[in-house]
Amino acid sequence: MDTKNLSLPKLNQLNPTLESTALKLMEEAGELAQVIGKFRGLSGEQISMDEETIVREVANELLDVAQTAVTMMFVLEDQFGIDIQDAVQRHCDKLEKKGYLSAEKAD
């Protein structure tokens, strides 16, 4: 299985709840969609940024979505005792069964 690992920190000075984090995730996903819409000219606006700048903004918004999703995982772990490593493994197993991932081959 070819993977890339992304590690995002647990944020300080926040007291997120499942509900507040879900709302924040939707907000960040909306901002991502808005940037992509501007990039594709879907808002009817003239694009005033070059493609490299827009793609960088897309990456920035995508990382905001990812950070918020990771924060939600920390909430599940801290407040509800969910084993995230186990959940990730079950998720990968599901993807493998659906044919989206290949099983690692032992040498």
Protein backbone atom coordinates (compact mmCIF):
# COMPACT_ATOMS: atom_id res chain seq x y z
CA MET A 1 0.00 0.00 0.00
CA ASP A 2 1.48 3.34 -1.05
CA THR A 3 0.74 5.92 1.64
CA LYS A 4 1.71 9.44 2.51
CA ASN A 5 1.56 10.38 6.14
CA LEU A 6 0.32 13.74 7.29
CA SER A 7 0.61 14.58 10.94
CA LEU A 8 -1.35 17.53 12.28
CA PRO A 9 -1.07 18.72 15.88
CA LYS A 10 -3.68 18.83 18.58
CA LEU A 11 -4.47 22.52 18.92
CA ASN A 12 -3.97 24.36 22.20
CA GLN A 13 -6.36 26.66 24.03
CA LEU A 14 -9.47 25.16 22.44
CA ASN A 15 -12.32 23.26 24.05
CA PRO A 16 -13.99 21.77 21.01
CA THR A 17 -17.12 19.71 21.22
CA LEU A 18 -18.34 17.23 18.66
CA GLU A 19 -20.98 19.73 17.56
CA SER A 20 -18.72 22.79 17.39
CA THR A 21 -16.11 20.83 15.46
CA ALA A 22 -18.70 19.50 13.00
CA LEU A 23 -19.89 23.06 12.36
CA LYS A 24 -16.30 24.25 11.91
CA LEU A 25 -15.64 21.38 9.49
CA MET A 26 -18.62 22.44 7.37
CA GLU A 27 -17.45 26.06 7.45
CA GLU A 28 -13.96 25.10 6.31
CA ALA A 29 -15.34 22.81 3.59
CA GLY A 30 -17.47 25.73 2.37
CA GLU A 31 -14.39 27.96 2.19
CA LEU A 32 -12.60 25.27 0.19
CA ALA A 33 -15.54 25.03 -2.21
CA GLN A 34 -15.61 28.83 -2.53
CA VAL A 35 -11.92 29.01 -3.51
CA ILE A 36 -12.35 26.20 -6.04
CA GLY A 37 -15.43 27.94 -7.42
CA LYS A 38 -13.49 31.16 -7.86
CA PHE A 39 -10.66 29.22 -9.51
CA ARG A 40 -13.11 27.70 -11.98
CA GLY A 41 -14.99 30.96 -12.51
CA LEU A 42 -18.22 29.53 -11.09
CA SER A 43 -19.00 32.67 -9.11
CA GLY A 44 -19.18 34.81 -12.25
CA GLU A 45 -16.23 36.89 -11.03
CA GLN A 46 -13.20 37.58 -13.14
CA ILE A 47 -10.25 35.66 -11.75
CA SER A 48 -7.65 38.20 -10.64
CA MET A 49 -5.14 35.73 -9.22
CA ASP A 50 -2.73 33.60 -11.18
CA GLU A 51 -3.22 29.83 -11.16
CA GLU A 52 -0.28 29.19 -8.80
CA THR A 53 -1.73 31.55 -6.19
CA ILE A 54 -5.18 30.01 -6.47
CA VAL A 55 -3.84 26.47 -6.18
CA ARG A 56 -1.85 27.55 -3.10
CA GLU A 57 -5.08 28.95 -1.62
CA VAL A 58 -6.86 25.67 -2.40
CA ALA A 59 -4.08 23.82 -0.54
CA ASN A 60 -4.38 26.23 2.41
CA GLU A 61 -8.14 25.73 2.65
CA LEU A 62 -7.77 21.96 2.27
CA LEU A 63 -5.33 21.94 5.19
CA ASP A 64 -7.88 23.88 7.26
CA VAL A 65 -10.41 21.14 6.47
CA ALA A 66 -7.88 18.43 7.37
CA GLN A 67 -6.90 20.17 10.63
CA THR A 68 -10.52 20.45 11.66
CA ALA A 69 -11.14 16.79 10.81
CA VAL A 70 -8.11 15.83 12.90
CA THR A 71 -9.42 17.99 15.74
CA MET A 72 -12.70 16.06 15.52
CA MET A 73 -10.74 12.81 15.81
CA PHE A 74 -9.05 14.15 18.96
CA VAL A 75 -12.53 15.01 20.32
CA LEU A 76 -13.71 11.45 19.61
CA GLU A 77 -10.61 10.08 21.29
CA ASP A 78 -10.59 12.42 24.32
CA GLN A 79 -14.31 12.69 25.04
CA PHE A 80 -15.63 9.36 23.81
CA GLY A 81 -12.68 6.97 24.16
CA ILE A 82 -12.51 6.05 20.46
CA ASP A 83 -9.26 4.32 19.46
CA ILE A 84 -8.30 6.35 16.39
CA GLN A 85 -5.51 3.96 15.32
CA ASP A 86 -8.01 1.12 15.32
CA ALA A 87 -10.54 3.25 13.43
CA VAL A 88 -7.92 4.14 10.80
CA GLN A 89 -7.01 0.46 10.39
CA ARG A 90 -10.68 -0.50 9.98
CA HIS A 91 -11.07 2.30 7.44
CA CYS A 92 -8.06 1.06 5.46
CA ASP A 93 -9.43 -2.50 5.61
CA LYS A 94 -12.74 -1.22 4.22
CA LEU A 95 -10.95 0.62 1.40
CA GLU A 96 -8.98 -2.52 0.60
CA LYS A 97 -12.16 -4.63 0.45
CA LYS A 98 -13.69 -2.10 -1.95
CA GLY A 99 -10.61 -2.35 -4.17
CA TYR A 100 -9.34 1.19 -3.51
CA LEU A 101 -6.18 -0.09 -1.80
CA SER A 102 -3.88 -2.98 -2.54
CA ALA A 103 -2.73 -5.14 0.32
CA GLU A 104 0.96 -4.75 1.12
CA LYS A 105 2.97 -7.62 -0.21
CA ALA A 106 5.48 -9.19 2.16
CA ASP A 107 8.93 -9.77 0.70
